[in-house]
Amino acid sequence: MTEPKWLEWAKRLQAIAQSGLNYVQDPYDKERFEMVREISAEIITNHTDHPKQELIDIMANETGYATPKVGTRAVILRENAGKTEVLLVEELKWGSKWTLPGGYADIHDTPSEAVQREVWEETGYEVKAKSLLGIFNRNQLPDVPPRLIDLYALVFLCEIVGGTPKTSIETGRSDFFPVDALPELALEQTHPLFIQLGVDYLRAGNRPTVFN
């Protein structure tokens, strides 16, 4: 699934409006940027079932210079009975589909601290980030449902160094699955490419970070 042009245009208009409202001084220019934001919401409403005011409220919550958010995902692999398995968590937000553990980076996190913290919070495992496998704009990956907010996904290969399994308010079970027999993934959060990068890294040894 490629991001449709109308959504790209709407997001670009929203970015112009958001950045403009961050710097604007003149009240008339402020009104114009608010109108641009409203046009962005109208475009999306015309192509979806999202109410216009709901979209305007979401956009208004995004302040400052418009830039992608940053999130992390952890690829944790093990060998079991001759099969390569990957650790996944049941993501309650996405209808109990499965994802790699991870989430938004917090303020003051380093990238490795962010992914290690997210894994511990969602699974109970303590991990060490070993390698940066790839950096991707989530909305530009194939077959990913488009979303209003762009996000840079930092995908790390991690290894378990301690801890015991647990659930969280965001996730249900965590479990290992054979990489050739995965459950239904929440593509909004986890793309099969992320897992394949980890498998390729382990099988081929060190390899360059992939980015789009």
C-alpha atoms as a PDB file:
ATOM      1  CA  MET A   1       0.000   0.000   0.000  1.00  0.00           C
ATOM      2  CA  THR A   2       1.559   3.274  -1.132  1.00  0.00           C
ATOM      3  CA  GLU A   3       0.591   6.465   0.674  1.00  0.00           C
ATOM      4  CA  PRO A   4      -2.035   8.172  -1.506  1.00  0.00           C
ATOM      5  CA  LYS A   5      -1.221  11.557  -3.007  1.00  0.00           C
ATOM      6  CA  TRP A   6      -4.142  13.244  -1.283  1.00  0.00           C
ATOM      7  CA  LEU A   7      -2.770  12.213   2.110  1.00  0.00           C
ATOM      8  CA  GLU A   8       0.721  13.397   1.199  1.00  0.00           C
ATOM      9  CA  TRP A   9      -0.692  16.788   0.181  1.00  0.00           C
ATOM     10  CA  ALA A  10      -2.808  17.019   3.343  1.00  0.00           C
ATOM     11  CA  LYS A  11       0.174  16.195   5.551  1.00  0.00           C
ATOM     12  CA  ARG A  12       2.363  18.747   3.776  1.00  0.00           C
ATOM     13  CA  LEU A  13      -0.294  21.412   4.281  1.00  0.00           C
ATOM     14  CA  GLN A  14      -0.558  20.456   7.961  1.00  0.00           C
ATOM     15  CA  ALA A  15       3.236  20.711   8.307  1.00  0.00           C
ATOM     16  CA  ILE A  16       3.202  24.186   6.720  1.00  0.00           C
ATOM     17  CA  ALA A  17       0.402  25.254   9.058  1.00  0.00           C
ATOM     18  CA  GLN A  18       2.041  23.790  12.166  1.00  0.00           C
ATOM     19  CA  SER A  19       5.457  25.295  11.491  1.00  0.00           C
ATOM     20  CA  GLY A  20       3.902  28.617  10.476  1.00  0.00           C
ATOM     21  CA  LEU A  21       1.845  28.816  13.674  1.00  0.00           C
ATOM     22  CA  ASN A  22       5.002  28.141  15.671  1.00  0.00           C
ATOM     23  CA  TYR A  23       6.741  31.255  14.322  1.00  0.00           C
ATOM     24  CA  VAL A  24       3.922  33.603  13.304  1.00  0.00           C
ATOM     25  CA  GLN A  25       3.585  37.035  14.963  1.00  0.00           C
ATOM     26  CA  ASP A  26       0.997  38.756  12.808  1.00  0.00           C
ATOM     27  CA  PRO A  27      -2.604  37.875  13.819  1.00  0.00           C
ATOM     28  CA  TYR A  28      -3.749  37.892  10.190  1.00  0.00           C
ATOM     29  CA  ASP A  29      -1.036  35.419   9.206  1.00  0.00           C
ATOM     30  CA  LYS A  30      -2.009  33.269  12.203  1.00  0.00           C
ATOM     31  CA  GLU A  31      -5.562  33.157  10.871  1.00  0.00           C
ATOM     32  CA  ARG A  32      -4.276  32.154   7.410  1.00  0.00           C
ATOM     33  CA  PHE A  33      -2.211  29.271   8.819  1.00  0.00           C
ATOM     34  CA  GLU A  34      -5.248  28.074  10.781  1.00  0.00           C
ATOM     35  CA  MET A  35      -7.178  28.102   7.494  1.00  0.00           C
ATOM     36  CA  VAL A  36      -4.445  25.998   5.865  1.00  0.00           C
ATOM     37  CA  ARG A  37      -4.767  23.485   8.730  1.00  0.00           C
ATOM     38  CA  GLU A  38      -8.531  23.407   8.202  1.00  0.00           C
ATOM     39  CA  ILE A  39      -8.067  22.714   4.470  1.00  0.00           C
ATOM     40  CA  SER A  40      -5.767  19.829   5.370  1.00  0.00           C
ATOM     41  CA  ALA A  41      -8.458  18.382   7.634  1.00  0.00           C
ATOM     42  CA  GLU A  42     -11.105  18.841   4.915  1.00  0.00           C
ATOM     43  CA  ILE A  43      -8.994  16.872   2.423  1.00  0.00           C
ATOM     44  CA  ILE A  44      -8.666  13.942   4.822  1.00  0.00           C
ATOM     45  CA  THR A  45     -12.341  14.058   5.804  1.00  0.00           C
ATOM     46  CA  ASN A  46     -13.311  13.962   2.121  1.00  0.00           C
ATOM     47  CA  HIS A  47     -11.426  10.670   1.675  1.00  0.00           C
ATOM     48  CA  THR A  48     -12.093   8.999   5.044  1.00  0.00           C
ATOM     49  CA  ASP A  49     -14.731   8.727   7.751  1.00  0.00           C
ATOM     50  CA  HIS A  50     -12.779  10.868  10.237  1.00  0.00           C
ATOM     51  CA  PRO A  51     -14.766  13.924  11.422  1.00  0.00           C
ATOM     52  CA  LYS A  52     -13.214  17.225  10.397  1.00  0.00           C
ATOM     53  CA  GLN A  53     -13.187  18.752  13.891  1.00  0.00           C
ATOM     54  CA  GLU A  54     -11.577  15.629  15.349  1.00  0.00           C
ATOM     55  CA  LEU A  55      -8.758  15.957  12.829  1.00  0.00           C
ATOM     56  CA  ILE A  56      -8.339  19.673  13.525  1.00  0.00           C
ATOM     57  CA  ASP A  57      -8.062  18.900  17.253  1.00  0.00           C
ATOM     58  CA  ILE A  58      -5.405  16.240  16.577  1.00  0.00           C
ATOM     59  CA  MET A  59      -3.449  18.633  14.375  1.00  0.00           C
ATOM     60  CA  ALA A  60      -3.722  21.430  16.948  1.00  0.00           C
ATOM     61  CA  ASN A  61      -2.072  19.179  19.524  1.00  0.00           C
ATOM     62  CA  GLU A  62       1.023  18.991  17.310  1.00  0.00           C
ATOM     63  CA  THR A  63       3.012  22.137  18.036  1.00  0.00           C
ATOM     64  CA  GLY A  64       6.459  23.440  17.220  1.00  0.00           C
ATOM     65  CA  TYR A  65       8.311  22.919  13.955  1.00  0.00           C
ATOM     66  CA  ALA A  66       6.717  19.991  12.108  1.00  0.00           C
ATOM     67  CA  THR A  67       9.045  16.980  12.061  1.00  0.00           C
ATOM     68  CA  PRO A  68       8.624  13.172  12.192  1.00  0.00           C
ATOM     69  CA  LYS A  69       8.349  11.434  15.549  1.00  0.00           C
ATOM     70  CA  VAL A  70      10.936   8.818  16.540  1.00  0.00           C
ATOM     71  CA  GLY A  71      10.188   5.277  17.634  1.00  0.00           C
ATOM     72  CA  THR A  72      12.198   2.109  18.209  1.00  0.00           C
ATOM     73  CA  ARG A  73      11.654  -1.605  17.566  1.00  0.00           C
ATOM     74  CA  ALA A  74      13.695  -4.523  18.868  1.00  0.00           C
ATOM     75  CA  VAL A  75      14.446  -7.674  16.856  1.00  0.00           C
ATOM     76  CA  ILE A  76      15.269 -10.410  19.398  1.00  0.00           C
ATOM     77  CA  LEU A  77      16.099 -13.780  17.855  1.00  0.00           C
ATOM     78  CA  ARG A  78      16.922 -17.233  19.178  1.00  0.00           C
ATOM     79  CA  GLU A  79      17.588 -20.684  17.765  1.00  0.00           C
ATOM     80  CA  ASN A  80      15.189 -23.389  18.944  1.00  0.00           C
ATOM     81  CA  ALA A  81      15.201 -26.971  17.634  1.00  0.00           C
ATOM     82  CA  GLY A  82      16.896 -25.899  14.435  1.00  0.00           C
ATOM     83  CA  LYS A  83      14.493 -22.988  13.800  1.00  0.00           C
ATOM     84  CA  THR A  84      15.123 -19.260  14.099  1.00  0.00           C
ATOM     85  CA  GLU A  85      12.484 -17.621  16.305  1.00  0.00           C
ATOM     86  CA  VAL A  86      11.676 -13.962  17.000  1.00  0.00           C
ATOM     87  CA  LEU A  87      10.179 -12.410  20.131  1.00  0.00           C
ATOM     88  CA  LEU A  88       6.820 -10.687  19.534  1.00  0.00           C
ATOM     89  CA  VAL A  89       4.304  -9.003  21.824  1.00  0.00           C
ATOM     90  CA  GLU A  90       0.525  -8.985  21.571  1.00  0.00           C
ATOM     91  CA  GLU A  91      -0.360  -5.347  20.856  1.00  0.00           C
ATOM     92  CA  LEU A  92      -3.751  -4.669  22.478  1.00  0.00           C
ATOM     93  CA  LYS A  93      -4.205  -1.321  20.705  1.00  0.00           C
ATOM     94  CA  TRP A  94      -4.240  -3.059  17.330  1.00  0.00           C
ATOM     95  CA  GLY A  95      -6.790  -5.745  18.071  1.00  0.00           C
ATOM     96  CA  SER A  96      -4.350  -8.209  19.627  1.00  0.00           C
ATOM     97  CA  LYS A  97      -2.174  -8.368  16.542  1.00  0.00           C
ATOM     98  CA  TRP A  98       1.525  -8.923  17.150  1.00  0.00           C
ATOM     99  CA  THR A  99       4.472  -6.562  16.981  1.00  0.00           C
ATOM    100  CA  LEU A 100       8.133  -6.361  17.773  1.00  0.00           C
ATOM    101  CA  PRO A 101       8.527  -4.791  21.225  1.00  0.00           C
ATOM    102  CA  GLY A 102       9.164  -1.069  21.053  1.00  0.00           C
ATOM    103  CA  GLY A 103       7.606   2.373  21.105  1.00  0.00           C
ATOM    104  CA  TYR A 104       8.256   6.102  21.101  1.00  0.00           C
ATOM    105  CA  ALA A 105      11.587   7.401  22.359  1.00  0.00           C
ATOM    106  CA  ASP A 106      11.339   9.508  25.517  1.00  0.00           C
ATOM    107  CA  ILE A 107      13.021  12.837  26.154  1.00  0.00           C
ATOM    108  CA  HIS A 108      16.642  12.376  27.264  1.00  0.00           C
ATOM    109  CA  ASP A 109      16.759   8.785  25.947  1.00  0.00           C
ATOM    110  CA  THR A 110      19.637   7.704  23.797  1.00  0.00           C
ATOM    111  CA  PRO A 111      18.358   5.485  20.957  1.00  0.00           C
ATOM    112  CA  SER A 112      19.684   2.319  22.624  1.00  0.00           C
ATOM    113  CA  GLU A 113      18.234   3.314  25.999  1.00  0.00           C
ATOM    114  CA  ALA A 114      14.856   3.884  24.349  1.00  0.00           C
ATOM    115  CA  VAL A 115      14.631   0.439  22.784  1.00  0.00           C
ATOM    116  CA  GLN A 116      15.986  -1.318  25.893  1.00  0.00           C
ATOM    117  CA  ARG A 117      13.446   0.475  28.108  1.00  0.00           C
ATOM    118  CA  GLU A 118      10.552  -0.323  25.797  1.00  0.00           C
ATOM    119  CA  VAL A 119      11.444  -4.025  25.681  1.00  0.00           C
ATOM    120  CA  TRP A 120      11.608  -4.201  29.464  1.00  0.00           C
ATOM    121  CA  GLU A 121       8.306  -2.345  29.906  1.00  0.00           C
ATOM    122  CA  GLU A 122       6.460  -4.510  27.376  1.00  0.00           C
ATOM    123  CA  THR A 123       7.971  -7.943  27.982  1.00  0.00           C
ATOM    124  CA  GLY A 124       9.839  -8.002  31.288  1.00  0.00           C
ATOM    125  CA  TYR A 125      13.084  -8.932  29.558  1.00  0.00           C
ATOM    126  CA  GLU A 126      16.271  -6.943  30.069  1.00  0.00           C
ATOM    127  CA  VAL A 127      18.061  -6.597  26.728  1.00  0.00           C
ATOM    128  CA  LYS A 128      21.186  -5.057  25.267  1.00  0.00           C
ATOM    129  CA  ALA A 129      21.048  -3.311  21.886  1.00  0.00           C
ATOM    130  CA  LYS A 130      23.744  -4.891  19.703  1.00  0.00           C
ATOM    131  CA  SER A 131      23.335  -3.290  16.268  1.00  0.00           C
ATOM    132  CA  LEU A 132      21.222  -0.741  14.411  1.00  0.00           C
ATOM    133  CA  LEU A 133      19.612  -2.764  11.606  1.00  0.00           C
ATOM    134  CA  GLY A 134      17.721  -0.004   9.826  1.00  0.00           C
ATOM    135  CA  ILE A 135      16.027   3.406   9.897  1.00  0.00           C
ATOM    136  CA  PHE A 136      12.737   3.826   8.051  1.00  0.00           C
ATOM    137  CA  ASN A 137       9.903   6.279   7.545  1.00  0.00           C
ATOM    138  CA  ARG A 138       7.054   3.990   8.568  1.00  0.00           C
ATOM    139  CA  ASN A 139       4.559   5.580   6.165  1.00  0.00           C
ATOM    140  CA  GLN A 140       6.805   4.834   3.175  1.00  0.00           C
ATOM    141  CA  LEU A 141       7.102   1.087   3.763  1.00  0.00           C
ATOM    142  CA  PRO A 142       5.117  -1.207   1.423  1.00  0.00           C
ATOM    143  CA  ASP A 143       1.678  -2.426   2.570  1.00  0.00           C
ATOM    144  CA  VAL A 144       1.633  -0.197   5.667  1.00  0.00           C
ATOM    145  CA  PRO A 145      -1.714   1.546   6.290  1.00  0.00           C
ATOM    146  CA  PRO A 146      -1.062   5.317   5.963  1.00  0.00           C
ATOM    147  CA  ARG A 147      -1.285   7.473   9.080  1.00  0.00           C
ATOM    148  CA  LEU A 148      -1.440  11.219   9.654  1.00  0.00           C
ATOM    149  CA  ILE A 149       1.791  11.372  11.659  1.00  0.00           C
ATOM    150  CA  ASP A 150       5.113  10.377  10.079  1.00  0.00           C
ATOM    151  CA  LEU A 151       7.431   8.299  12.262  1.00  0.00           C
ATOM    152  CA  TYR A 152      11.069   7.295  11.882  1.00  0.00           C
ATOM    153  CA  ALA A 153      11.422   3.691  13.056  1.00  0.00           C
ATOM    154  CA  LEU A 154      14.858   2.775  14.445  1.00  0.00           C
ATOM    155  CA  VAL A 155      15.169  -1.009  14.304  1.00  0.00           C
ATOM    156  CA  PHE A 156      17.737  -2.614  16.619  1.00  0.00           C
ATOM    157  CA  LEU A 157      19.041  -6.150  16.948  1.00  0.00           C
ATOM    158  CA  CYS A 158      18.938  -6.908  20.684  1.00  0.00           C
ATOM    159  CA  GLU A 159      19.848  -9.813  22.935  1.00  0.00           C
ATOM    160  CA  ILE A 160      18.268 -10.864  26.229  1.00  0.00           C
ATOM    161  CA  VAL A 161      20.545 -10.461  29.244  1.00  0.00           C
ATOM    162  CA  GLY A 162      18.044 -10.988  32.089  1.00  0.00           C
ATOM    163  CA  GLY A 163      14.501 -10.503  33.339  1.00  0.00           C
ATOM    164  CA  THR A 164      11.362 -12.632  33.334  1.00  0.00           C
ATOM    165  CA  PRO A 165       8.272 -12.406  31.062  1.00  0.00           C
ATOM    166  CA  LYS A 166       5.446 -10.055  32.061  1.00  0.00           C
ATOM    167  CA  THR A 167       2.524  -8.183  30.482  1.00  0.00           C
ATOM    168  CA  SER A 168       1.880  -4.425  30.426  1.00  0.00           C
ATOM    169  CA  ILE A 169      -1.051  -2.044  30.014  1.00  0.00           C
ATOM    170  CA  GLU A 170      -0.242  -1.841  26.286  1.00  0.00           C
ATOM    171  CA  THR A 171       0.649  -5.454  25.558  1.00  0.00           C
ATOM    172  CA  GLY A 172      -0.683  -8.884  26.368  1.00  0.00           C
ATOM    173  CA  ARG A 173       1.458 -11.973  25.974  1.00  0.00           C
ATOM    174  CA  SER A 174       4.983 -12.073  24.651  1.00  0.00           C
ATOM    175  CA  ASP A 175       6.239 -15.182  22.898  1.00  0.00           C
ATOM    176  CA  PHE A 176       8.771 -16.483  20.389  1.00  0.00           C
ATOM    177  CA  PHE A 177       7.556 -17.470  16.902  1.00  0.00           C
ATOM    178  CA  PRO A 178       9.383 -19.146  14.009  1.00  0.00           C
ATOM    179  CA  VAL A 179      10.354 -16.445  11.520  1.00  0.00           C
ATOM    180  CA  ASP A 180       8.771 -18.486   8.709  1.00  0.00           C
ATOM    181  CA  ALA A 181       5.453 -18.901  10.586  1.00  0.00           C
ATOM    182  CA  LEU A 182       4.612 -15.494  12.021  1.00  0.00           C
ATOM    183  CA  PRO A 183       1.203 -14.581  13.503  1.00  0.00           C
ATOM    184  CA  GLU A 184      -0.747 -11.621  12.113  1.00  0.00           C
ATOM    185  CA  LEU A 185       1.409  -8.523  12.487  1.00  0.00           C
ATOM    186  CA  ALA A 186       0.221  -4.988  13.212  1.00  0.00           C
ATOM    187  CA  LEU A 187       1.811  -3.414  10.153  1.00  0.00           C
ATOM    188  CA  GLU A 188       1.243   0.030  11.640  1.00  0.00           C
ATOM    189  CA  GLN A 189       4.048  -0.850  14.072  1.00  0.00           C
ATOM    190  CA  THR A 190       6.020  -3.807  12.715  1.00  0.00           C
ATOM    191  CA  HIS A 191       6.934  -4.613   9.128  1.00  0.00           C
ATOM    192  CA  PRO A 192       8.186  -8.113   8.175  1.00  0.00           C
ATOM    193  CA  LEU A 193      11.239  -6.390   6.690  1.00  0.00           C
ATOM    194  CA  PHE A 194      12.391  -5.509  10.219  1.00  0.00           C
ATOM    195  CA  ILE A 195      12.482  -9.182  11.210  1.00  0.00           C
ATOM    196  CA  GLN A 196      14.161 -10.245   7.974  1.00  0.00           C
ATOM    197  CA  LEU A 197      16.925  -7.693   8.548  1.00  0.00           C
ATOM    198  CA  GLY A 198      17.720  -9.342  11.870  1.00  0.00           C
ATOM    199  CA  VAL A 199      17.745 -12.815  10.344  1.00  0.00           C
ATOM    200  CA  ASP A 200      19.993 -11.674   7.494  1.00  0.00           C
ATOM    201  CA  TYR A 201      22.353  -9.970   9.928  1.00  0.00           C
ATOM    202  CA  LEU A 202      22.823 -13.115  12.013  1.00  0.00           C
ATOM    203  CA  ARG A 203      23.234 -15.388   9.010  1.00  0.00           C
ATOM    204  CA  ALA A 204      25.579 -13.141   7.033  1.00  0.00           C
ATOM    205  CA  GLY A 205      27.499 -11.612   9.889  1.00  0.00           C
ATOM    206  CA  ASN A 206      28.028  -7.860  10.149  1.00  0.00           C
ATOM    207  CA  ARG A 207      26.261  -5.804   7.484  1.00  0.00           C
ATOM    208  CA  PRO A 208      25.593  -2.072   6.899  1.00  0.00           C
ATOM    209  CA  THR A 209      22.577  -0.335   8.397  1.00  0.00           C
ATOM    210  CA  VAL A 210      19.674  -0.148   5.921  1.00  0.00           C
ATOM    211  CA  PHE A 211      17.853   3.159   5.445  1.00  0.00           C
ATOM    212  CA  ASN A 212      15.276   4.540   3.036  1.00  0.00           C
END
